N, C-alpha and C. Protein backbone atom coordinates (compact mmCIF):
# COMPACT_ATOMS: atom_id res chain seq x y z
N MET A 1 25.37 17.88 -7.70
CA MET A 1 24.18 17.64 -8.07
C MET A 1 23.42 16.75 -7.32
N SER A 2 22.46 17.55 -7.27
CA SER A 2 20.94 17.10 -6.25
C SER A 2 20.20 16.11 -7.07
N LEU A 3 19.75 15.19 -5.74
CA LEU A 3 18.90 14.09 -6.04
C LEU A 3 17.77 14.46 -6.16
N VAL A 4 16.75 13.58 -6.69
CA VAL A 4 15.26 13.53 -6.57
C VAL A 4 14.51 12.76 -6.50
N LYS A 5 13.66 12.58 -5.39
CA LYS A 5 13.17 11.02 -4.93
C LYS A 5 12.02 10.78 -5.81
N LEU A 6 12.12 9.66 -6.42
CA LEU A 6 10.79 9.15 -7.47
C LEU A 6 10.20 7.76 -6.75
N SER A 7 9.14 7.70 -6.72
CA SER A 7 7.83 6.85 -6.94
C SER A 7 7.80 5.91 -8.05
N ILE A 8 6.90 4.75 -8.21
CA ILE A 8 6.07 4.24 -9.37
C ILE A 8 5.13 4.51 -9.59
N LYS A 9 4.94 5.05 -10.22
CA LYS A 9 3.28 5.33 -10.44
C LYS A 9 2.58 4.24 -11.51
N GLY A 10 3.26 3.31 -12.39
CA GLY A 10 2.74 2.36 -12.80
C GLY A 10 3.49 1.89 -13.69
N ILE A 11 2.73 0.39 -14.67
CA ILE A 11 3.21 -0.26 -15.99
C ILE A 11 2.49 -0.43 -16.64
N SER A 12 2.37 0.51 -18.20
CA SER A 12 1.49 0.17 -18.99
C SER A 12 2.22 -0.34 -20.32
N TYR A 13 1.34 -0.93 -21.30
CA TYR A 13 1.89 -1.24 -22.30
C TYR A 13 2.78 -0.31 -23.42
N SER A 14 3.42 -0.79 -23.66
CA SER A 14 4.49 0.86 -24.92
C SER A 14 3.37 0.67 -25.89
N GLN A 15 2.88 1.95 -26.38
CA GLN A 15 2.63 2.22 -28.00
C GLN A 15 3.47 2.08 -28.99
N THR A 16 4.83 2.10 -28.66
CA THR A 16 5.66 2.63 -29.44
C THR A 16 6.78 1.72 -29.76
N GLN A 17 6.92 0.78 -29.13
CA GLN A 17 7.82 -0.32 -29.04
C GLN A 17 7.20 -1.66 -29.01
N ASN A 18 7.31 -2.52 -29.91
CA ASN A 18 6.26 -3.53 -29.73
C ASN A 18 6.95 -4.70 -28.94
N GLY A 19 6.01 -5.57 -27.60
CA GLY A 19 6.41 -6.40 -26.56
C GLY A 19 7.26 -5.54 -25.77
N ALA A 20 7.48 -4.29 -25.75
CA ALA A 20 7.72 -3.60 -24.39
C ALA A 20 6.63 -2.60 -23.67
N TYR A 21 7.50 -2.54 -22.42
CA TYR A 21 6.43 -1.92 -21.46
C TYR A 21 6.82 -0.63 -20.99
N ALA A 22 6.03 0.29 -20.85
CA ALA A 22 6.52 1.81 -20.35
C ALA A 22 6.52 1.57 -18.23
N LEU A 23 7.68 1.90 -17.81
CA LEU A 23 7.15 2.26 -16.31
C LEU A 23 7.03 3.55 -15.99
N ILE A 24 6.44 4.10 -15.45
CA ILE A 24 6.41 5.47 -15.02
C ILE A 24 6.66 5.59 -13.51
N LEU A 25 7.72 5.98 -13.63
CA LEU A 25 8.29 7.52 -11.91
C LEU A 25 7.77 8.26 -12.33
N ASN A 26 7.27 8.55 -10.72
CA ASN A 26 6.89 9.51 -10.21
C ASN A 26 7.77 10.68 -9.70
N GLU A 27 7.99 12.09 -9.75
CA GLU A 27 8.77 12.78 -8.94
C GLU A 27 8.07 13.05 -7.69
N VAL A 28 8.48 12.54 -6.51
CA VAL A 28 7.66 12.73 -5.02
C VAL A 28 7.34 14.12 -4.70
N ASP A 29 8.22 14.54 -5.11
CA ASP A 29 7.81 16.19 -4.85
C ASP A 29 7.47 17.25 -5.29
N GLY A 30 7.19 16.66 -6.71
CA GLY A 30 6.59 17.31 -8.04
C GLY A 30 5.43 16.88 -8.73
N ASP A 31 5.43 17.46 -10.31
CA ASP A 31 4.39 17.06 -10.96
C ASP A 31 4.96 15.96 -12.16
N ARG A 32 6.47 15.63 -12.44
CA ARG A 32 6.77 15.52 -13.26
C ARG A 32 7.02 14.09 -13.03
N LYS A 33 6.80 13.16 -14.26
CA LYS A 33 6.69 11.74 -14.61
C LYS A 33 7.98 11.76 -15.37
N LEU A 34 8.40 10.48 -15.16
CA LEU A 34 9.90 9.79 -15.98
C LEU A 34 9.57 8.49 -16.55
N PRO A 35 8.98 8.34 -17.86
CA PRO A 35 8.54 7.10 -18.37
C PRO A 35 9.99 6.66 -18.90
N ILE A 36 10.01 5.31 -18.83
CA ILE A 36 11.13 4.65 -18.91
C ILE A 36 10.84 3.04 -19.63
N VAL A 37 11.38 2.53 -21.27
CA VAL A 37 11.11 1.91 -21.23
C VAL A 37 11.64 0.30 -21.16
N ILE A 38 11.04 -1.08 -20.82
CA ILE A 38 11.69 -1.68 -20.72
C ILE A 38 10.86 -3.01 -20.75
N GLY A 39 11.77 -4.21 -21.01
CA GLY A 39 11.55 -5.35 -21.57
C GLY A 39 10.19 -6.18 -20.39
N ALA A 40 9.24 -7.15 -21.09
CA ALA A 40 8.31 -7.59 -20.53
C ALA A 40 8.80 -8.53 -19.37
N PHE A 41 9.79 -9.03 -19.35
CA PHE A 41 10.34 -9.97 -18.15
C PHE A 41 10.50 -8.88 -17.06
N GLU A 42 11.32 -7.74 -17.19
CA GLU A 42 11.25 -6.76 -16.12
C GLU A 42 10.46 -6.66 -15.95
N ALA A 43 9.16 -6.36 -16.68
CA ALA A 43 7.85 -5.64 -16.28
C ALA A 43 7.02 -6.47 -15.43
N GLN A 44 7.12 -8.01 -15.44
CA GLN A 44 6.92 -9.10 -14.97
C GLN A 44 7.29 -8.93 -13.84
N SER A 45 8.45 -8.71 -13.59
CA SER A 45 9.06 -8.86 -12.10
C SER A 45 8.84 -7.91 -11.40
N ILE A 46 8.58 -6.35 -11.84
CA ILE A 46 8.59 -5.02 -11.39
C ILE A 46 6.64 -5.43 -10.59
N ALA A 47 6.25 -5.98 -11.54
CA ALA A 47 4.93 -6.33 -11.48
C ALA A 47 4.53 -6.99 -10.12
N ILE A 48 5.38 -8.16 -9.95
CA ILE A 48 5.01 -9.07 -8.76
C ILE A 48 5.17 -8.70 -7.77
N ALA A 49 6.33 -7.94 -8.02
CA ALA A 49 7.34 -6.75 -6.21
C ALA A 49 5.78 -6.09 -5.99
N LEU A 50 5.06 -5.62 -6.90
CA LEU A 50 4.26 -4.39 -6.61
C LEU A 50 2.68 -5.09 -6.35
N GLU A 51 2.22 -6.07 -6.79
CA GLU A 51 1.35 -6.88 -6.62
C GLU A 51 1.68 -8.17 -5.31
N LYS A 52 1.38 -7.84 -3.73
CA LYS A 52 2.00 -8.40 -2.91
C LYS A 52 1.22 -10.18 -3.09
N GLU A 53 -0.14 -10.05 -3.49
CA GLU A 53 -0.96 -11.27 -3.47
C GLU A 53 -0.32 -12.60 -4.28
N ILE A 54 0.12 -12.09 -5.41
CA ILE A 54 0.79 -13.22 -6.41
C ILE A 54 2.25 -13.49 -5.96
N LYS A 55 2.04 -14.82 -5.69
CA LYS A 55 3.83 -14.96 -5.23
C LYS A 55 4.03 -16.35 -5.76
N PRO A 56 5.17 -16.50 -6.84
CA PRO A 56 5.58 -17.10 -7.44
C PRO A 56 6.12 -18.63 -6.90
N PRO A 57 5.56 -19.43 -7.67
CA PRO A 57 6.01 -20.73 -6.61
C PRO A 57 7.54 -21.34 -6.71
N ARG A 58 8.44 -20.52 -7.63
CA ARG A 58 9.76 -20.11 -7.61
C ARG A 58 10.31 -19.50 -7.33
N PRO A 59 11.47 -18.71 -6.81
CA PRO A 59 12.24 -17.64 -6.99
C PRO A 59 12.23 -17.24 -8.63
N LEU A 60 11.66 -15.73 -8.77
CA LEU A 60 12.51 -15.18 -10.22
C LEU A 60 13.81 -14.74 -9.94
N THR A 61 14.86 -14.37 -11.33
CA THR A 61 15.89 -14.03 -10.92
C THR A 61 15.71 -13.18 -9.69
N HIS A 62 15.13 -12.01 -9.90
CA HIS A 62 15.18 -10.54 -8.68
C HIS A 62 15.11 -11.29 -7.71
N ASP A 63 14.33 -12.51 -7.21
CA ASP A 63 13.83 -12.53 -5.90
C ASP A 63 15.32 -13.79 -5.71
N LEU A 64 15.74 -14.20 -6.50
CA LEU A 64 16.99 -15.17 -6.43
C LEU A 64 18.26 -14.22 -5.50
N PHE A 65 18.07 -13.01 -6.45
CA PHE A 65 19.37 -11.92 -5.90
C PHE A 65 18.82 -11.70 -4.38
N LYS A 66 17.62 -11.33 -4.18
CA LYS A 66 16.86 -11.10 -2.82
C LYS A 66 17.74 -12.34 -1.90
N ASN A 67 17.19 -13.38 -2.08
CA ASN A 67 18.00 -14.35 -1.56
C ASN A 67 19.37 -14.56 -1.05
N PHE A 68 20.03 -14.57 -2.20
CA PHE A 68 21.55 -14.49 -2.20
C PHE A 68 21.82 -13.38 -1.15
N ALA A 69 21.46 -11.84 -1.28
CA ALA A 69 21.99 -11.28 -0.53
C ALA A 69 21.61 -11.14 1.22
N ASP A 70 20.23 -11.35 1.35
CA ASP A 70 20.05 -11.61 2.62
C ASP A 70 20.90 -12.56 3.26
N ARG A 71 20.84 -13.70 2.55
CA ARG A 71 22.03 -14.80 3.37
C ARG A 71 23.37 -14.29 3.33
N PHE A 72 24.00 -13.37 2.95
CA PHE A 72 24.91 -12.78 2.64
C PHE A 72 24.94 -11.31 3.56
N ASP A 73 24.14 -10.93 4.10
CA ASP A 73 24.02 -9.77 4.92
C ASP A 73 24.06 -8.89 4.07
N ILE A 74 23.89 -8.55 2.80
CA ILE A 74 23.95 -7.55 1.70
C ILE A 74 22.93 -6.67 1.66
N VAL A 75 22.50 -5.68 1.98
CA VAL A 75 21.34 -4.51 1.92
C VAL A 75 21.46 -3.78 0.70
N VAL A 76 20.63 -3.53 0.30
CA VAL A 76 20.55 -2.43 -1.30
C VAL A 76 20.11 -1.37 -0.50
N LYS A 77 20.64 -0.46 -0.42
CA LYS A 77 20.40 1.21 0.39
C LYS A 77 19.36 2.02 -0.59
N GLN A 78 20.07 1.79 -1.92
CA GLN A 78 19.08 2.73 -2.82
C GLN A 78 19.68 2.94 -4.08
N ILE A 79 18.60 3.28 -4.84
CA ILE A 79 19.18 3.38 -6.24
C ILE A 79 19.02 4.47 -6.83
N ILE A 80 20.24 4.84 -7.77
CA ILE A 80 20.10 6.05 -8.56
C ILE A 80 20.37 6.27 -9.68
N ILE A 81 19.42 6.81 -10.38
CA ILE A 81 19.54 6.81 -11.76
C ILE A 81 20.49 7.68 -12.16
N HIS A 82 21.62 7.60 -12.68
CA HIS A 82 22.70 8.88 -12.52
C HIS A 82 22.99 8.98 -14.38
N LYS A 83 22.42 8.41 -15.16
CA LYS A 83 23.11 8.84 -16.41
C LYS A 83 21.55 8.49 -17.34
N LEU A 84 21.50 9.52 -18.61
CA LEU A 84 21.19 9.49 -19.66
C LEU A 84 21.96 9.80 -20.86
N VAL A 85 21.79 8.64 -21.63
CA VAL A 85 22.71 8.76 -22.99
C VAL A 85 21.89 8.03 -24.23
N ASP A 86 21.58 9.03 -25.19
CA ASP A 86 20.52 8.26 -26.30
C ASP A 86 19.44 7.67 -25.77
N GLY A 87 19.05 7.90 -24.97
CA GLY A 87 17.52 7.59 -24.24
C GLY A 87 17.70 6.05 -23.54
N VAL A 88 18.85 6.02 -23.13
CA VAL A 88 19.47 4.98 -22.12
C VAL A 88 19.51 5.10 -20.87
N PHE A 89 18.93 5.09 -20.04
CA PHE A 89 18.96 5.62 -18.42
C PHE A 89 19.94 4.68 -17.94
N TYR A 90 21.01 4.47 -17.53
CA TYR A 90 22.34 3.78 -16.24
C TYR A 90 22.37 4.40 -15.23
N SER A 91 21.79 3.00 -13.98
CA SER A 91 21.82 2.87 -13.01
C SER A 91 22.81 2.64 -11.86
N SER A 92 22.58 3.02 -10.32
CA SER A 92 23.61 2.12 -9.79
C SER A 92 22.88 1.84 -8.77
N ILE A 93 23.51 0.74 -8.26
CA ILE A 93 22.67 -0.14 -6.94
C ILE A 93 23.69 0.08 -6.01
N ILE A 94 23.61 0.78 -4.61
CA ILE A 94 24.12 1.18 -3.43
C ILE A 94 23.94 0.37 -2.62
N CYS A 95 24.78 -0.44 -2.22
CA CYS A 95 24.54 -1.76 -1.14
C CYS A 95 25.72 -1.45 -0.52
N GLU A 96 25.52 -2.05 0.71
CA GLU A 96 25.64 -2.20 2.43
C GLU A 96 26.10 -3.36 2.92
N ARG A 97 27.77 -4.07 3.30
CA ARG A 97 27.66 -5.11 4.09
C ARG A 97 28.98 -4.97 4.75
N ASP A 98 28.59 -4.84 6.41
CA ASP A 98 29.65 -4.73 7.66
C ASP A 98 30.13 -3.20 7.11
N LYS A 99 29.01 -2.21 7.06
CA LYS A 99 29.23 -1.17 7.09
C LYS A 99 30.02 -0.63 6.12
N ILE A 100 30.17 -1.65 4.72
CA ILE A 100 30.74 -0.86 4.34
C ILE A 100 30.39 -0.99 2.58
N GLU A 101 30.16 0.23 1.77
CA GLU A 101 29.35 0.73 0.93
C GLU A 101 29.97 0.27 -0.28
N GLU A 102 29.28 -0.16 -1.41
CA GLU A 102 29.54 -0.30 -2.86
C GLU A 102 28.71 -0.08 -3.52
N ILE A 103 28.79 0.28 -4.94
CA ILE A 103 28.21 0.56 -6.08
C ILE A 103 28.01 -0.31 -7.06
N ILE A 104 27.25 -0.87 -7.68
CA ILE A 104 27.25 -1.70 -8.45
C ILE A 104 26.37 -1.18 -9.73
N ASP A 105 27.02 -1.21 -10.88
CA ASP A 105 26.26 -0.63 -12.29
C ASP A 105 24.92 -1.61 -12.82
N SER A 106 24.29 -0.68 -13.00
CA SER A 106 22.70 -2.09 -13.13
C SER A 106 22.07 -1.30 -14.68
N ARG A 107 21.40 -2.10 -15.04
CA ARG A 107 20.23 -1.58 -16.29
C ARG A 107 19.18 -1.46 -14.98
N THR A 108 18.44 -0.01 -15.59
CA THR A 108 17.38 0.60 -14.82
C THR A 108 16.45 -0.60 -14.17
N SER A 109 15.90 -1.22 -15.21
CA SER A 109 14.72 -1.94 -14.79
C SER A 109 15.03 -3.12 -13.56
N ASP A 110 16.20 -3.47 -13.94
CA ASP A 110 16.64 -4.29 -12.84
C ASP A 110 16.69 -3.93 -11.17
N ALA A 111 17.46 -2.65 -11.62
CA ALA A 111 17.46 -2.01 -10.26
C ALA A 111 16.26 -1.80 -9.32
N ILE A 112 15.42 -1.02 -9.92
CA ILE A 112 14.13 -0.94 -9.64
C ILE A 112 13.41 -2.03 -9.43
N ALA A 113 13.65 -3.24 -9.79
CA ALA A 113 12.89 -4.51 -9.51
C ALA A 113 13.54 -4.91 -7.88
N LEU A 114 15.18 -4.69 -7.76
CA LEU A 114 15.53 -4.85 -6.56
C LEU A 114 15.46 -3.72 -5.56
N ALA A 115 14.72 -2.84 -6.38
CA ALA A 115 14.65 -1.86 -4.95
C ALA A 115 13.34 -2.25 -4.48
N LEU A 116 12.54 -2.67 -5.20
CA LEU A 116 11.18 -2.88 -4.42
C LEU A 116 10.69 -4.11 -3.79
N ARG A 117 12.08 -5.30 -3.83
CA ARG A 117 12.19 -6.18 -2.85
C ARG A 117 13.11 -6.06 -1.63
N PHE A 118 14.00 -4.53 -1.65
CA PHE A 118 14.75 -4.08 -0.67
C PHE A 118 13.67 -3.44 0.29
N ASN A 119 12.57 -2.69 -0.48
CA ASN A 119 12.28 -1.26 0.11
C ASN A 119 13.00 -0.28 0.03
N ALA A 120 14.15 -0.33 -1.18
CA ALA A 120 14.85 0.63 -1.07
C ALA A 120 14.34 2.28 -2.07
N PRO A 121 14.46 3.10 -1.56
CA PRO A 121 13.80 4.45 -2.19
C PRO A 121 15.01 4.49 -3.78
N ILE A 122 14.32 5.25 -4.61
CA ILE A 122 15.09 5.11 -6.19
C ILE A 122 15.12 7.05 -6.02
N PHE A 123 16.43 6.93 -6.44
CA PHE A 123 16.65 8.87 -6.66
C PHE A 123 17.02 8.96 -8.45
N THR A 124 16.72 10.03 -8.48
CA THR A 124 17.63 10.34 -10.26
C THR A 124 18.28 11.51 -9.48
N TYR A 125 19.13 12.27 -10.63
CA TYR A 125 19.33 13.55 -10.25
C TYR A 125 18.55 14.97 -11.09
N LYS A 126 18.46 15.44 -10.69
CA LYS A 126 17.79 17.25 -10.96
C LYS A 126 18.02 17.12 -12.53
N ASN A 127 19.24 17.26 -13.06
CA ASN A 127 18.99 17.59 -14.64
C ASN A 127 19.08 16.55 -15.47
N ILE A 128 18.88 15.41 -14.73
CA ILE A 128 18.13 13.99 -15.54
C ILE A 128 16.38 14.22 -15.72
N LEU A 129 16.24 14.82 -14.66
CA LEU A 129 14.47 14.82 -14.60
C LEU A 129 14.32 16.09 -15.60
N ASP A 130 14.74 17.36 -15.49
CA ASP A 130 15.01 18.22 -16.23
C ASP A 130 15.07 18.11 -17.22
N LYS A 131 15.66 17.09 -18.34
CA LYS A 131 16.07 16.93 -19.30
C LYS A 131 15.02 15.18 -19.88
N ALA A 132 14.56 14.17 -18.98
CA ALA A 132 13.34 13.68 -19.76
C ALA A 132 12.21 13.75 -19.46
N GLY A 133 12.08 14.37 -17.87
CA GLY A 133 10.92 14.27 -17.36
C GLY A 133 9.64 15.06 -17.91
N ILE A 134 8.62 14.45 -17.74
CA ILE A 134 7.68 15.05 -18.24
C ILE A 134 6.40 15.68 -17.75
N PHE A 135 5.47 17.01 -17.52
CA PHE A 135 4.74 17.35 -17.14
C PHE A 135 3.41 16.71 -17.91
N LEU A 136 2.50 16.30 -17.16
CA LEU A 136 0.84 16.17 -17.68
C LEU A 136 0.59 17.26 -18.23
N LYS A 137 -0.07 17.55 -19.17
CA LYS A 137 -0.78 19.22 -19.60
C LYS A 137 -2.08 18.40 -19.71
N SER A 138 -2.91 18.90 -19.02
CA SER A 138 -4.67 18.71 -19.95
C SER A 138 -4.70 19.71 -20.89
N ASN A 139 -6.23 19.58 -21.66
CA ASN A 139 -6.89 20.48 -22.44
C ASN A 139 -7.62 21.42 -21.87
N PRO A 140 -7.41 22.68 -21.87
CA PRO A 140 -7.51 23.65 -21.13
C PRO A 140 -9.41 23.42 -21.23
N LEU A 141 -9.98 22.53 -22.06
CA LEU A 141 -11.24 23.27 -22.26
C LEU A 141 -11.91 21.97 -21.81
N ASN A 142 -11.22 21.19 -21.17
CA ASN A 142 -12.27 20.20 -20.27
C ASN A 142 -10.32 19.32 -19.60
N PRO A 143 -10.05 20.37 -18.39
CA PRO A 143 -9.18 19.94 -17.64
C PRO A 143 -9.23 18.41 -17.06
N GLU A 144 -10.45 18.82 -16.13
CA GLU A 144 -10.56 17.46 -15.32
C GLU A 144 -10.84 16.09 -15.92
N LYS A 145 -11.49 15.88 -17.43
CA LYS A 145 -11.83 14.75 -18.09
C LYS A 145 -10.51 14.57 -18.81
N ASP A 146 -9.59 15.58 -19.19
CA ASP A 146 -8.38 14.71 -19.47
C ASP A 146 -7.23 14.32 -18.90
N ALA A 147 -7.17 15.28 -17.69
CA ALA A 147 -6.21 14.46 -16.56
C ALA A 147 -6.58 13.23 -15.92
N GLN A 148 -8.07 13.08 -15.73
CA GLN A 148 -8.51 12.09 -15.20
C GLN A 148 -8.20 10.83 -16.16
N GLU A 149 -8.01 11.04 -17.73
CA GLU A 149 -7.86 10.02 -19.00
C GLU A 149 -6.42 9.57 -18.76
N ILE A 150 -5.31 10.46 -18.56
CA ILE A 150 -4.34 10.51 -18.27
C ILE A 150 -3.80 9.75 -17.60
N ASP A 151 -4.50 10.04 -16.20
CA ASP A 151 -3.95 9.40 -15.02
C ASP A 151 -4.34 7.97 -14.79
N ASP A 152 -5.65 7.72 -15.64
CA ASP A 152 -6.19 6.67 -15.64
C ASP A 152 -5.04 5.25 -16.39
N VAL A 153 -4.35 5.87 -17.53
CA VAL A 153 -3.53 4.99 -18.22
C VAL A 153 -2.62 5.09 -17.24
N LEU A 154 -1.68 5.84 -16.58
CA LEU A 154 -0.44 5.75 -15.84
C LEU A 154 -0.62 5.12 -14.33
N SER A 155 -2.03 5.27 -14.11
CA SER A 155 -1.93 4.62 -12.80
C SER A 155 -2.53 3.23 -12.57
N ASN A 156 -2.67 2.55 -13.83
CA ASN A 156 -2.96 1.38 -13.66
C ASN A 156 -2.25 0.53 -14.10
N PRO A 157 -1.20 0.18 -12.69
CA PRO A 157 0.19 -1.03 -12.82
C PRO A 157 -0.62 -2.54 -13.68
N GLU A 158 0.46 -2.34 -14.81
CA GLU A 158 0.73 -4.02 -15.40
C GLU A 158 -0.92 -4.22 -16.15
N THR A 159 -1.73 -3.37 -16.91
CA THR A 159 -2.89 -3.88 -17.10
C THR A 159 -2.70 -4.96 -18.18
N PHE A 160 -1.55 -4.81 -18.67
CA PHE A 160 -1.56 -5.86 -20.25
C PHE A 160 -2.44 -6.06 -20.99
N LYS A 161 -3.21 -4.80 -21.59
CA LYS A 161 -3.98 -4.80 -22.20
C LYS A 161 -5.54 -5.40 -22.10
N GLN A 162 -5.51 -6.08 -21.02
CA GLN A 162 -6.58 -6.57 -20.39
C GLN A 162 -8.03 -6.47 -21.13
N ASN A 163 -8.26 -5.38 -21.52
CA ASN A 163 -9.69 -5.12 -21.83
C ASN A 163 -10.03 -5.47 -23.04
N GLU A 164 -8.92 -5.59 -24.07
CA GLU A 164 -8.84 -6.38 -25.29
C GLU A 164 -8.67 -8.35 -25.81
N GLU A 165 -7.57 -8.22 -24.69
CA GLU A 165 -7.51 -10.02 -24.97
C GLU A 165 -8.26 -10.90 -24.15
N SER A 166 -7.78 -11.92 -24.61
CA SER A 166 -8.90 -13.06 -24.33
C SER A 166 -8.18 -13.98 -23.57
N ASN A 167 -8.61 -15.07 -23.01
CA ASN A 167 -7.78 -16.18 -22.20
C ASN A 167 -7.69 -16.93 -24.21
N LYS A 168 -7.04 -18.21 -23.88
CA LYS A 168 -6.60 -19.23 -24.70
C LYS A 168 -8.26 -19.78 -25.05
N SER A 169 -9.41 -20.07 -24.60
CA SER A 169 -10.20 -20.40 -25.16
C SER A 169 -11.14 -19.61 -26.40
N GLY A 170 -10.55 -18.46 -26.18
CA GLY A 170 -11.26 -17.26 -27.08
C GLY A 170 -12.13 -16.40 -26.57
N SER A 171 -12.80 -16.67 -24.97
CA SER A 171 -13.68 -16.39 -24.30
C SER A 171 -12.76 -15.40 -23.58
N THR A 172 -13.54 -14.07 -23.20
CA THR A 172 -13.08 -13.14 -22.35
C THR A 172 -13.38 -13.58 -20.39
N TYR A 173 -12.36 -13.12 -19.52
CA TYR A 173 -12.72 -13.56 -18.35
C TYR A 173 -14.18 -12.89 -17.79
N ALA A 174 -14.36 -11.90 -18.31
CA ALA A 174 -16.16 -11.50 -18.00
C ALA A 174 -17.04 -12.59 -18.14
N SER A 175 -16.70 -13.37 -18.80
CA SER A 175 -17.72 -14.23 -18.85
C SER A 175 -17.72 -15.42 -17.50
N HIS A 176 -16.66 -15.74 -16.64
CA HIS A 176 -16.19 -16.62 -15.97
C HIS A 176 -16.72 -16.09 -14.51
N THR A 177 -17.43 -17.01 -13.29
CA THR A 177 -17.74 -16.83 -12.18
C THR A 177 -16.17 -16.49 -11.37
N LEU A 178 -16.63 -15.83 -10.15
CA LEU A 178 -15.62 -15.42 -9.31
C LEU A 178 -14.70 -16.83 -8.63
N ASP A 179 -15.50 -17.77 -8.66
CA ASP A 179 -15.00 -19.03 -8.27
C ASP A 179 -13.98 -19.55 -9.52
N GLN A 180 -14.73 -19.51 -10.66
CA GLN A 180 -13.68 -20.02 -11.56
C GLN A 180 -12.29 -18.88 -11.78
N LEU A 181 -12.44 -17.47 -11.71
CA LEU A 181 -11.55 -16.72 -11.63
C LEU A 181 -10.74 -17.05 -10.58
N ASN A 182 -10.99 -17.35 -9.77
CA ASN A 182 -9.67 -17.87 -8.23
C ASN A 182 -8.93 -19.13 -9.03
N GLU A 183 -9.61 -19.86 -9.45
CA GLU A 183 -9.14 -21.15 -9.55
C GLU A 183 -8.13 -21.02 -11.26
N LEU A 184 -8.33 -19.82 -11.80
CA LEU A 184 -7.65 -19.71 -12.79
C LEU A 184 -6.52 -18.91 -12.57
N LEU A 185 -6.77 -17.95 -11.64
CA LEU A 185 -5.63 -17.09 -10.75
C LEU A 185 -4.20 -18.15 -10.32
N GLU A 186 -5.10 -19.38 -9.57
CA GLU A 186 -4.04 -20.29 -8.70
C GLU A 186 -3.24 -20.83 -10.15
N GLN A 187 -4.03 -21.87 -11.13
CA GLN A 187 -3.69 -22.12 -12.31
C GLN A 187 -2.41 -21.48 -12.42
N ALA A 188 -2.69 -20.16 -13.17
CA ALA A 188 -1.56 -19.29 -13.89
C ALA A 188 -0.21 -19.04 -13.09
N VAL A 189 -0.30 -19.22 -11.76
CA VAL A 189 0.85 -18.67 -10.84
C VAL A 189 1.76 -19.59 -10.85
N GLU A 190 0.50 -21.13 -10.53
CA GLU A 190 1.36 -22.26 -10.67
C GLU A 190 1.97 -22.41 -11.47
N ASN A 191 1.37 -22.07 -12.69
CA ASN A 191 2.53 -22.40 -14.36
C ASN A 191 3.50 -20.69 -14.75
N GLU A 192 3.28 -19.96 -13.70
CA GLU A 192 4.51 -18.97 -14.13
C GLU A 192 4.10 -18.14 -14.93
N ASP A 193 2.92 -18.29 -15.64
CA ASP A 193 1.92 -17.38 -16.22
C ASP A 193 1.58 -15.93 -15.80
N TYR A 194 2.21 -15.26 -15.39
CA TYR A 194 2.08 -13.80 -14.37
C TYR A 194 1.49 -12.90 -15.41
N GLU A 195 1.58 -12.88 -16.49
CA GLU A 195 0.93 -11.88 -17.42
C GLU A 195 -0.44 -12.24 -17.47
N LYS A 196 -0.93 -13.87 -17.50
CA LYS A 196 -2.36 -14.01 -17.79
C LYS A 196 -2.72 -14.29 -16.26
N ALA A 197 -1.59 -14.19 -15.07
CA ALA A 197 -2.44 -13.98 -13.58
C ALA A 197 -2.56 -12.37 -13.57
N ALA A 198 -2.00 -11.46 -14.27
CA ALA A 198 -2.09 -9.86 -13.85
C ALA A 198 -3.39 -9.77 -14.29
N LYS A 199 -3.85 -10.25 -15.73
CA LYS A 199 -5.14 -10.02 -16.16
C LYS A 199 -6.37 -10.80 -15.63
N ILE A 200 -6.29 -11.76 -15.15
CA ILE A 200 -7.14 -12.45 -14.11
C ILE A 200 -7.25 -11.58 -12.90
N ARG A 201 -6.30 -11.36 -12.08
CA ARG A 201 -6.74 -10.10 -11.21
C ARG A 201 -7.12 -9.59 -11.19
N ASP A 202 -6.93 -8.76 -12.28
CA ASP A 202 -7.76 -7.43 -12.40
C ASP A 202 -8.97 -7.41 -12.65
N GLU A 203 -9.65 -8.85 -13.29
CA GLU A 203 -10.99 -8.89 -13.54
C GLU A 203 -11.57 -9.41 -11.85
N ILE A 204 -11.25 -10.31 -11.08
CA ILE A 204 -11.45 -10.14 -9.93
C ILE A 204 -11.54 -8.72 -9.47
N SER A 205 -10.50 -7.80 -9.11
CA SER A 205 -10.33 -6.75 -9.00
C SER A 205 -11.72 -5.80 -9.25
N LYS A 206 -12.18 -5.95 -10.52
CA LYS A 206 -13.55 -5.21 -10.67
C LYS A 206 -14.79 -5.87 -10.38
N ARG A 207 -14.63 -7.55 -9.85
CA ARG A 207 -15.88 -7.35 -9.21
C ARG A 207 -16.25 -6.85 -7.74
């Protein structure tokens, strides 16, 4: 079976499962997307790895695994999403130490969180992409508008519905100054509230 390389398109809040997020993987040499529902913790960990400017004050679980692996000269070579059963994706982490390769079973969300930290490529088999991959089809009456709207949803990593939500005081982040937002961002990172940090970061980016 031939392998297909994937890249991370983005993370969006799942509209079908409360408290879950949709990780969108993109076919590198094609137009198909592979959506995978993941939990909030995994979405947070992946988002932190994607957003280099957000540094947790203490290592998260996947950061700890990376530090452990580095200490013992273990390298993650690649991730393979190798099976799909009843809507659940199964993945393998291909590791190497002292030129000896090992294969470790993993949840797909954990595997991708580690792939980001090791800069390891992500693959799946063609038959899985044929089965679960989706093409983004636009409205023939207005293809450019529909395609842009779909792309906006999928390409905005870790939005956490920031356009709808407010902070604890009940006011939106739009009312804060840039200096206040930077201070709030530092506080959110120190408190390990990365969902809040992502929303503040997005507001800063819009400025």
